[in-house]
Amino acid sequence: MMAFGSAVPNWRCDLTTLKDSNFTIADNFSDLKMCEFKYSFSSIKCKNRLYDPGMSTVVSEWDLVCDKSWVPSTITTLQMGGLITGGFISGHVADAIGRKSTYVCALLTIILLNATAAFSPTWEIFAVLRFFIGFASGFTTSLNFTFVIEFTPRQSRSMLRFLPCRELFGMLYACLCWWLHDWRYIQIGIAFVVFPLFLGIIWFVPESFRWLVTHWKIRKAYDVIKTIASMNNKEPPEYDKFHEEVIQVKDLLSEEKKYSVLDLLDNPRLLKITLLLMVACIGRRWTTSMFYIIGGCSGMIVGILQALDLENKEIFVTIFALPSKAFVTAGWVSVMLITAEIYPTVVRNIGSGLLNAASGIGIMVAPTVSFASQKIPGLLYLTFAGLMFLSAFLVILLPETNNKALEDTIDFDPNNSISKKIKNSFNTTVQKGYEYLK
């Protein structure tokens, strides 16, 4: 939204408001974006501005130029702050109360707040609403793939992630902006676009059966497996046998374990995975690393070109910037796939949410680096090329997830025979139910 909402339409100072008998303004000043007119030793500030009526943004709505030019970027930063906060909290909520309930609540929040933001009387209220829209978006961002992957057979997971859904909706949003040209209508349009997804999740998408089993909701998990098996013309498993296998595992535990981000930090293997992912059919690792290396090389060339004084360098910059953008996007898609596959079910959304929060920090820092690159040509692309090379190296250190079954529990104490029995029985039981989805 803020990519369009913070755009500055063409404007000029309303010269009729400048009344000073000792000050004369040249006619050719009327088409310039000037906040202040200087003449000899005196100056006059432009008090009122006229904006191009063909484009309505929050800038033209609340006159956010000149001494208020900092406001649009601040609103975007607040929105990203909400994204970070929502991403961090979403994992704990989704792993505690369920994937579907969390996702539905986040979508409803996005619908209501976008519609409400369209009627914001001041930019301050609009900024607060954008923060909470970012907060809800942090939930959907961390849940988008982890929710779906728990229903997907291992051989189809990579294909599912590479479907260009995000890109197609990005194109749809661009068309929406081109058609409406008004930030208020666009806010309402976003709410309308999300509404069918909201209804679809409620009516057609069940709760993750993997989450239900790991939270001992055996009857509900069985109903989900039975429904999907029926849709795929498969015979459902016998409930008594399914129930007995899960109960045998539950009897070994004194109480249901509540997981948090501390469990990621306390487990050496998951801590290593989390730290590596924060920075960053062939296996997932090598595919991701290759994408980052190619994107980094293209970005490095762009940075060098920007620092040189060459004729027609803009053409070459565009030629190399496009593959840099394309391959870093492909690398990001691969990282999201690895993230969803590498964490056990009991902390999958916690890990995904934590990493989405970490990526939000990068989003907040990026505009500052972009601004600095205006003073130091090539800084932006050279900085991120270096980060791509670093990511390419760190991804190689991750364990391979290609064509491997999803884990459901955190590693227990290997010296404890009861713990090993719990883990083995638990994963075997869930996997049996999982086979009925194929």
Protein backbone atom coordinates (compact mmCIF):
# COMPACT_ATOMS: atom_id res chain seq x y z
CA MET A 1 0.00 0.00 0.00
CA MET A 2 2.70 2.48 0.97
CA ALA A 3 4.56 1.93 -2.31
CA PHE A 4 1.65 3.83 -3.88
CA GLY A 5 0.40 5.71 -0.84
CA SER A 6 3.74 7.44 -0.16
CA ALA A 7 4.27 8.46 -3.80
CA VAL A 8 4.54 12.21 -4.33
CA PRO A 9 2.21 13.49 -7.09
CA ASN A 10 3.26 16.46 -9.17
CA TRP A 11 2.68 19.67 -7.26
CA ARG A 12 3.44 23.34 -7.33
CA CYS A 13 3.12 26.20 -4.93
CA ASP A 14 -0.14 28.11 -4.99
CA LEU A 15 1.22 31.51 -5.96
CA THR A 16 -2.02 33.26 -5.08
CA THR A 17 -1.18 32.73 -1.40
CA LEU A 18 2.17 34.53 -1.67
CA LYS A 19 1.45 38.16 -1.02
CA ASP A 20 4.40 40.39 -0.38
CA SER A 21 4.77 43.81 -1.95
CA ASN A 22 8.56 43.62 -1.76
CA PHE A 23 8.81 40.18 -3.32
CA THR A 24 8.30 39.25 -6.97
CA ILE A 25 8.14 35.68 -8.22
CA ALA A 26 9.11 34.82 -11.76
CA ASP A 27 6.43 33.13 -13.84
CA ASN A 28 8.62 30.11 -14.57
CA PHE A 29 8.68 29.30 -10.84
CA SER A 30 5.03 28.25 -10.97
CA ASP A 31 5.84 24.78 -12.34
CA LEU A 32 8.62 23.96 -9.88
CA LYS A 33 8.29 21.97 -6.64
CA MET A 34 9.64 24.72 -4.40
CA CYS A 35 9.08 24.84 -0.66
CA GLU A 36 10.70 28.24 -0.30
CA PHE A 37 11.34 31.19 -2.61
CA LYS A 38 14.45 33.25 -2.06
CA TYR A 39 15.08 36.68 -3.40
CA SER A 40 18.08 38.79 -2.44
CA PHE A 41 18.30 38.59 1.36
CA SER A 42 14.69 37.62 1.96
CA SER A 43 12.63 34.47 1.47
CA ILE A 44 9.03 33.36 1.57
CA LYS A 45 7.83 29.85 2.44
CA CYS A 46 5.13 28.29 0.35
CA LYS A 47 2.09 27.89 2.59
CA ASN A 48 -0.29 26.12 0.20
CA ARG A 49 0.36 23.67 -2.59
CA LEU A 50 -1.64 22.48 -5.58
CA TYR A 51 -1.41 18.75 -6.38
CA ASP A 52 -2.09 16.88 -9.59
CA PRO A 53 -5.74 15.77 -9.25
CA GLY A 54 -5.07 12.65 -11.33
CA MET A 55 -3.31 10.90 -8.43
CA SER A 56 -4.44 10.91 -4.81
CA THR A 57 -1.98 9.60 -2.19
CA VAL A 58 -1.51 10.21 1.52
CA VAL A 59 1.08 12.82 0.53
CA SER A 60 -1.45 14.94 -1.33
CA GLU A 61 -4.18 14.15 1.22
CA TRP A 62 -2.29 15.65 4.17
CA ASP A 63 0.26 17.82 2.34
CA LEU A 64 3.23 15.67 3.40
CA VAL A 65 6.01 17.50 1.56
CA CYS A 66 8.62 20.08 2.52
CA ASP A 67 8.75 20.18 6.35
CA LYS A 68 6.54 17.04 6.52
CA SER A 69 8.42 15.00 3.90
CA TRP A 70 9.63 12.64 6.65
CA VAL A 71 6.12 11.43 7.45
CA PRO A 72 5.53 8.91 4.58
CA SER A 73 8.76 6.99 5.27
CA THR A 74 7.95 7.04 8.99
CA ILE A 75 4.54 5.48 8.31
CA THR A 76 6.24 2.75 6.29
CA THR A 77 8.74 2.14 9.09
CA LEU A 78 5.90 1.87 11.62
CA GLN A 79 4.16 -0.61 9.36
CA MET A 80 7.34 -2.70 9.16
CA GLY A 81 7.60 -2.47 12.95
CA GLY A 82 4.14 -4.00 13.14
CA LEU A 83 5.24 -6.70 10.71
CA ILE A 84 8.21 -7.60 12.92
CA THR A 85 6.07 -7.69 16.06
CA GLY A 86 3.33 -9.74 14.42
CA GLY A 87 5.83 -12.17 12.91
CA PHE A 88 7.42 -12.82 16.28
CA ILE A 89 4.13 -13.28 18.16
CA SER A 90 2.34 -15.21 15.40
CA GLY A 91 4.41 -18.36 15.84
CA HIS A 92 3.54 -18.67 19.52
CA VAL A 93 -0.15 -18.00 18.88
CA ALA A 94 -0.43 -20.41 15.91
CA ASP A 95 1.40 -23.18 17.75
CA ALA A 96 -0.76 -22.60 20.84
CA ILE A 97 -4.33 -22.22 19.48
CA GLY A 98 -4.01 -23.65 15.96
CA ARG A 99 -3.10 -22.62 12.42
CA LYS A 100 -6.61 -22.04 11.11
CA SER A 101 -7.95 -19.94 13.98
CA THR A 102 -4.87 -17.71 13.93
CA TYR A 103 -4.97 -17.29 10.15
CA VAL A 104 -8.70 -16.47 10.09
CA CYS A 105 -8.32 -13.85 12.83
CA ALA A 106 -5.38 -12.24 11.02
CA LEU A 107 -7.30 -12.05 7.73
CA LEU A 108 -10.34 -10.54 9.45
CA THR A 109 -8.10 -7.94 11.09
CA ILE A 110 -6.55 -7.03 7.74
CA ILE A 111 -9.99 -6.62 6.15
CA LEU A 112 -11.41 -4.44 8.93
CA LEU A 113 -8.33 -2.24 9.38
CA ASN A 114 -7.84 -1.61 5.65
CA ALA A 115 -11.47 -0.56 5.32
CA THR A 116 -11.17 1.64 8.42
CA ALA A 117 -7.90 3.22 7.24
CA ALA A 118 -9.67 4.52 4.14
CA PHE A 119 -11.57 6.95 6.37
CA SER A 120 -8.62 8.17 8.45
CA PRO A 121 -9.11 11.86 9.33
CA THR A 122 -5.39 12.51 10.02
CA TRP A 123 -2.08 10.98 9.04
CA GLU A 124 -1.38 10.14 12.69
CA ILE A 125 -4.44 7.88 12.88
CA PHE A 126 -3.55 6.42 9.48
CA ALA A 127 -0.03 5.60 10.76
CA VAL A 128 -1.44 3.77 13.81
CA LEU A 129 -3.77 1.73 11.60
CA ARG A 130 -0.89 0.88 9.24
CA PHE A 131 1.10 -0.40 12.23
CA PHE A 132 -1.66 -2.84 13.16
CA ILE A 133 -2.18 -3.81 9.50
CA GLY A 134 1.52 -4.68 9.46
CA PHE A 135 1.03 -6.57 12.73
CA ALA A 136 -1.73 -8.73 11.19
CA SER A 137 0.29 -9.16 7.99
CA GLY A 138 3.13 -10.53 10.12
CA PHE A 139 0.77 -13.34 11.13
CA THR A 140 -0.28 -14.19 7.57
CA THR A 141 3.29 -13.99 6.25
CA SER A 142 4.56 -16.55 8.74
CA LEU A 143 1.48 -18.81 8.29
CA ASN A 144 1.04 -18.65 4.51
CA PHE A 145 3.30 -21.58 3.71
CA THR A 146 3.73 -23.42 6.98
CA PHE A 147 -0.04 -23.97 7.17
CA VAL A 148 -0.26 -25.37 3.63
CA ILE A 149 2.88 -27.51 3.79
CA GLU A 150 1.46 -29.63 6.62
CA PHE A 151 -1.11 -30.99 4.14
CA THR A 152 1.33 -31.49 1.25
CA PRO A 153 3.15 -34.75 0.39
CA ARG A 154 6.92 -34.42 0.35
CA GLN A 155 7.30 -34.82 -3.42
CA SER A 156 4.97 -31.87 -4.09
CA ARG A 157 6.26 -29.36 -1.53
CA SER A 158 8.82 -27.65 -3.78
CA MET A 159 6.35 -27.30 -6.66
CA LEU A 160 3.77 -25.78 -4.32
CA ARG A 161 6.21 -23.15 -3.06
CA PHE A 162 7.27 -22.09 -6.54
CA LEU A 163 3.75 -21.33 -7.73
CA PRO A 164 3.85 -17.56 -8.50
CA CYS A 165 0.89 -16.65 -6.26
CA ARG A 166 2.63 -13.71 -4.55
CA GLU A 167 3.88 -12.36 -7.86
CA LEU A 168 0.47 -12.63 -9.54
CA PHE A 169 -1.20 -10.75 -6.69
CA GLY A 170 1.56 -8.14 -6.89
CA MET A 171 0.61 -7.62 -10.52
CA LEU A 172 -3.06 -7.49 -9.53
CA TYR A 173 -2.27 -4.81 -6.96
CA ALA A 174 -0.40 -2.75 -9.57
CA CYS A 175 -3.47 -2.97 -11.83
CA LEU A 176 -5.65 -1.92 -8.89
CA CYS A 177 -3.53 1.20 -8.34
CA TRP A 178 -3.50 2.01 -12.06
CA TRP A 179 -7.27 1.68 -12.21
CA LEU A 180 -8.28 3.53 -9.01
CA HIS A 181 -5.52 6.16 -8.57
CA ASP A 182 -6.86 7.00 -5.13
CA TRP A 183 -5.38 5.68 -1.88
CA ARG A 184 -8.76 5.55 -0.13
CA TYR A 185 -10.34 3.39 -2.84
CA ILE A 186 -7.23 1.19 -2.90
CA GLN A 187 -7.52 0.56 0.85
CA ILE A 188 -11.12 -0.55 0.37
CA GLY A 189 -10.09 -2.58 -2.69
CA ILE A 190 -7.55 -4.50 -0.60
CA ALA A 191 -10.29 -5.40 1.88
CA PHE A 192 -12.49 -6.71 -0.94
CA VAL A 193 -9.65 -8.78 -2.41
CA VAL A 194 -8.87 -10.43 0.95
CA PHE A 195 -12.53 -11.15 1.79
CA PRO A 196 -12.96 -14.20 -0.54
CA LEU A 197 -9.78 -15.73 0.93
CA PHE A 198 -11.20 -15.17 4.41
CA LEU A 199 -14.43 -17.01 3.52
CA GLY A 200 -12.55 -19.77 1.72
CA ILE A 201 -10.37 -20.51 4.74
CA ILE A 202 -13.42 -20.66 7.02
CA TRP A 203 -15.53 -22.90 4.79
CA PHE A 204 -13.11 -25.19 2.99
CA VAL A 205 -9.77 -25.41 4.82
CA PRO A 206 -9.59 -27.67 7.91
CA GLU A 207 -7.22 -27.33 10.82
CA SER A 208 -3.80 -28.92 10.34
CA PHE A 209 -4.13 -32.56 11.39
CA ARG A 210 -0.45 -32.56 12.34
CA TRP A 211 -1.10 -29.74 14.80
CA LEU A 212 -4.19 -31.52 16.15
CA VAL A 213 -2.27 -34.74 16.79
CA THR A 214 0.65 -32.99 18.49
CA HIS A 215 -1.91 -31.29 20.78
CA TRP A 216 -3.75 -34.56 21.50
CA LYS A 217 -6.96 -33.51 19.72
CA ILE A 218 -7.32 -37.05 18.40
CA ARG A 219 -10.98 -37.06 17.36
CA LYS A 220 -10.64 -33.82 15.40
CA ALA A 221 -7.43 -35.01 13.75
CA TYR A 222 -9.16 -38.21 12.70
CA ASP A 223 -12.11 -36.26 11.26
CA VAL A 224 -9.73 -34.14 9.14
CA ILE A 225 -7.92 -37.23 7.83
CA LYS A 226 -11.25 -38.95 7.13
CA THR A 227 -12.60 -35.93 5.22
CA ILE A 228 -9.52 -35.56 3.03
CA ALA A 229 -9.32 -39.32 2.43
CA SER A 230 -12.94 -39.23 1.27
CA MET A 231 -12.23 -36.33 -1.11
CA ASN A 232 -9.36 -38.37 -2.59
CA ASN A 233 -11.44 -41.57 -2.81
CA LYS A 234 -9.30 -43.31 -0.19
CA GLU A 235 -10.39 -45.56 2.64
CA PRO A 236 -9.92 -43.77 5.98
CA PRO A 237 -7.93 -45.45 8.75
CA GLU A 238 -9.72 -47.31 11.54
CA TYR A 239 -10.39 -44.85 14.32
CA ASP A 240 -9.87 -47.29 17.19
CA LYS A 241 -6.42 -48.27 15.96
CA PHE A 242 -5.49 -44.66 15.23
CA HIS A 243 -6.73 -43.56 18.65
CA GLU A 244 -4.93 -46.38 20.45
CA GLU A 245 -1.56 -45.54 18.90
CA VAL A 246 -1.80 -41.88 19.90
CA ILE A 247 -2.99 -42.67 23.42
CA GLN A 248 0.00 -44.94 23.96
CA VAL A 249 2.22 -41.93 23.37
CA LYS A 250 0.12 -39.60 25.51
CA ASP A 251 0.26 -41.97 28.48
CA LEU A 252 4.04 -41.55 28.55
CA LEU A 253 3.74 -37.81 29.14
CA SER A 254 2.63 -36.28 32.41
CA GLU A 255 1.32 -33.11 30.77
CA GLU A 256 1.14 -31.40 27.42
CA LYS A 257 4.29 -29.45 26.62
CA LYS A 258 3.92 -25.74 25.88
CA TYR A 259 6.54 -24.53 23.41
CA SER A 260 8.07 -21.09 22.95
CA VAL A 261 11.01 -19.41 21.25
CA LEU A 262 13.12 -20.50 24.24
CA ASP A 263 12.82 -24.08 22.99
CA LEU A 264 14.56 -23.03 19.79
CA LEU A 265 17.38 -21.43 21.75
CA ASP A 266 17.68 -24.35 24.18
CA ASN A 267 18.03 -26.98 21.45
CA PRO A 268 21.55 -26.83 19.87
CA ARG A 269 20.42 -28.17 16.50
CA LEU A 270 17.45 -25.80 16.15
CA LEU A 271 19.52 -22.86 17.42
CA LYS A 272 22.11 -23.47 14.71
CA ILE A 273 19.39 -23.75 12.07
CA THR A 274 17.70 -20.54 13.24
CA LEU A 275 20.91 -18.50 13.22
CA LEU A 276 21.86 -19.73 9.74
CA LEU A 277 18.39 -19.05 8.33
CA MET A 278 18.33 -15.57 9.79
CA VAL A 279 21.06 -14.48 7.37
CA ALA A 280 20.05 -16.22 4.75
CA CYS A 281 15.91 -31.72 -8.57
CA ILE A 282 18.94 -30.51 -6.72
CA GLY A 283 18.77 -30.25 -2.98
CA ARG A 284 17.28 -27.19 -1.35
CA ARG A 285 20.61 -25.99 0.04
CA TRP A 286 22.51 -25.99 -3.23
CA THR A 287 19.59 -24.52 -5.18
CA THR A 288 19.28 -21.64 -2.72
CA SER A 289 23.03 -21.08 -2.62
CA MET A 290 23.21 -20.99 -6.43
CA PHE A 291 20.41 -18.41 -6.61
CA TYR A 292 22.17 -16.15 -4.11
CA ILE A 293 25.54 -16.44 -5.87
CA ILE A 294 24.09 -15.50 -9.27
CA GLY A 295 22.06 -12.66 -7.72
CA GLY A 296 25.11 -11.46 -5.82
CA CYS A 297 27.30 -11.43 -8.93
CA SER A 298 24.68 -9.43 -10.86
CA GLY A 299 24.29 -7.01 -7.95
CA MET A 300 28.04 -6.53 -7.65
CA ILE A 301 28.24 -5.64 -11.35
CA VAL A 302 25.44 -3.08 -10.90
CA GLY A 303 27.25 -1.53 -7.92
CA ILE A 304 30.50 -1.22 -9.89
CA LEU A 305 28.68 0.29 -12.88
CA GLN A 306 26.98 2.88 -10.67
CA ALA A 307 30.33 3.93 -9.22
CA LEU A 308 31.89 4.41 -12.67
CA ASP A 309 31.37 7.34 -15.01
CA LEU A 310 30.33 5.55 -18.19
CA GLU A 311 28.23 6.61 -21.13
CA ASN A 312 24.76 5.02 -21.24
CA LYS A 313 25.49 3.13 -18.03
CA GLU A 314 21.78 3.24 -17.08
CA ILE A 315 21.07 0.65 -19.79
CA PHE A 316 23.67 -1.76 -18.40
CA VAL A 317 22.52 -1.10 -14.83
CA THR A 318 18.96 -2.13 -15.81
CA ILE A 319 20.21 -5.22 -17.66
CA PHE A 320 22.10 -6.54 -14.61
CA ALA A 321 19.66 -5.26 -11.95
CA LEU A 322 16.80 -7.41 -13.27
CA PRO A 323 18.56 -10.79 -12.81
CA SER A 324 19.83 -9.60 -9.43
CA LYS A 325 16.24 -8.98 -8.33
CA ALA A 326 15.00 -12.21 -9.93
CA PHE A 327 17.56 -14.49 -8.30
CA VAL A 328 17.40 -12.94 -4.84
CA THR A 329 13.61 -13.45 -5.02
CA ALA A 330 14.17 -17.09 -6.06
CA GLY A 331 16.60 -17.48 -3.16
CA TRP A 332 14.03 -16.06 -0.77
CA VAL A 333 11.40 -18.52 -2.02
CA SER A 334 13.83 -21.40 -1.47
CA VAL A 335 14.65 -20.20 2.05
CA MET A 336 10.94 -20.08 2.91
CA LEU A 337 10.61 -23.68 1.69
CA ILE A 338 13.57 -24.82 3.80
CA THR A 339 12.19 -22.96 6.83
CA ALA A 340 8.82 -24.68 6.63
CA GLU A 341 10.39 -28.12 6.19
CA ILE A 342 13.21 -27.92 8.72
CA TYR A 343 11.30 -27.09 11.93
CA PRO A 344 9.25 -29.72 13.81
CA THR A 345 5.47 -29.25 13.87
CA VAL A 346 5.40 -28.22 17.54
CA VAL A 347 7.61 -25.15 16.85
CA ARG A 348 7.22 -24.72 13.07
CA ASN A 349 5.30 -21.47 13.27
CA ILE A 350 7.40 -20.17 16.14
CA GLY A 351 10.53 -20.60 14.02
CA SER A 352 8.90 -19.18 10.90
CA GLY A 353 7.54 -16.19 12.82
CA LEU A 354 10.91 -15.47 14.41
CA LEU A 355 12.64 -15.52 11.03
CA ASN A 356 9.98 -13.28 9.48
CA ALA A 357 10.59 -10.83 12.32
CA ALA A 358 14.31 -10.94 11.56
CA SER A 359 13.65 -10.25 7.88
CA GLY A 360 11.53 -7.24 8.90
CA ILE A 361 14.63 -5.68 10.43
CA GLY A 362 16.27 -5.88 7.02
CA ILE A 363 13.24 -4.22 5.45
CA MET A 364 13.52 -1.33 7.91
CA VAL A 365 17.26 -0.89 7.32
CA ALA A 366 17.07 -1.12 3.52
CA PRO A 367 15.59 2.39 2.93
CA THR A 368 18.46 3.92 4.92
CA VAL A 369 21.03 2.12 2.77
CA SER A 370 19.12 3.20 -0.34
CA PHE A 371 19.18 6.82 0.81
CA ALA A 372 22.92 6.60 1.57
CA SER A 373 23.57 5.19 -1.92
CA GLN A 374 22.40 8.49 -3.38
CA LYS A 375 25.49 10.04 -1.82
CA ILE A 376 27.78 7.04 -2.40
CA PRO A 377 27.01 5.52 -5.85
CA GLY A 378 26.93 1.73 -5.87
CA LEU A 379 26.68 1.34 -2.08
CA LEU A 380 23.23 -0.27 -2.15
CA TYR A 381 24.00 -3.03 -4.63
CA LEU A 382 27.48 -3.74 -3.32
CA THR A 383 26.16 -4.05 0.24
CA PHE A 384 23.42 -6.48 -0.67
CA ALA A 385 25.66 -8.40 -3.07
CA GLY A 386 27.94 -9.04 -0.10
CA LEU A 387 24.97 -10.21 1.97
CA MET A 388 23.90 -12.56 -0.83
CA PHE A 389 27.36 -14.13 -0.95
CA LEU A 390 27.27 -14.55 2.85
CA SER A 391 23.81 -16.13 2.65
CA ALA A 392 24.97 -18.49 -0.11
CA PHE A 393 27.74 -19.77 2.17
CA LEU A 394 25.61 -20.11 5.32
CA VAL A 395 22.78 -21.96 3.56
CA ILE A 396 25.23 -24.75 2.67
CA LEU A 397 25.67 -25.39 6.41
CA LEU A 398 21.98 -26.23 6.83
CA PRO A 399 20.79 -29.87 6.83
CA GLU A 400 19.16 -31.05 3.59
CA THR A 401 15.34 -31.25 3.62
CA ASN A 402 14.63 -32.38 0.08
CA ASN A 403 12.32 -35.44 -0.10
CA LYS A 404 12.40 -35.91 3.67
CA ALA A 405 9.39 -36.36 5.94
CA LEU A 406 8.40 -33.45 8.16
CA GLU A 407 9.37 -33.81 11.79
CA ASP A 408 6.70 -33.37 14.44
CA THR A 409 8.55 -33.25 17.76
CA ILE A 410 11.74 -31.68 19.09
CA ASP A 411 14.62 -34.07 19.71
CA PHE A 412 14.33 -35.63 23.16
CA ASP A 413 17.16 -36.74 25.43
CA PRO A 414 18.88 -39.60 23.51
CA ASN A 415 19.91 -41.23 26.81
CA ASN A 416 16.34 -41.52 27.97
CA SER A 417 14.66 -44.69 26.68
CA ILE A 418 11.16 -43.36 27.38
CA SER A 419 11.95 -40.16 25.47
CA LYS A 420 13.14 -42.13 22.45
CA LYS A 421 10.00 -44.26 22.56
CA ILE A 422 7.81 -41.15 22.68
CA LYS A 423 9.52 -39.58 19.69
CA ASN A 424 9.53 -42.74 17.55
CA SER A 425 5.90 -43.61 18.32
CA PHE A 426 4.79 -40.02 17.85
CA ASN A 427 6.42 -39.55 14.44
CA THR A 428 5.27 -43.02 13.26
CA THR A 429 1.66 -42.34 14.24
CA VAL A 430 1.52 -38.95 12.54
CA GLN A 431 3.17 -40.32 9.42
CA LYS A 432 0.58 -43.10 9.16
CA GLY A 433 -2.18 -40.53 9.19
CA TYR A 434 -0.25 -38.40 6.72
CA GLU A 435 -0.20 -41.24 4.17
CA TYR A 436 -3.98 -40.98 3.85
CA LEU A 437 -3.63 -37.53 2.30
CA LYS A 438 -1.93 -38.88 -0.83
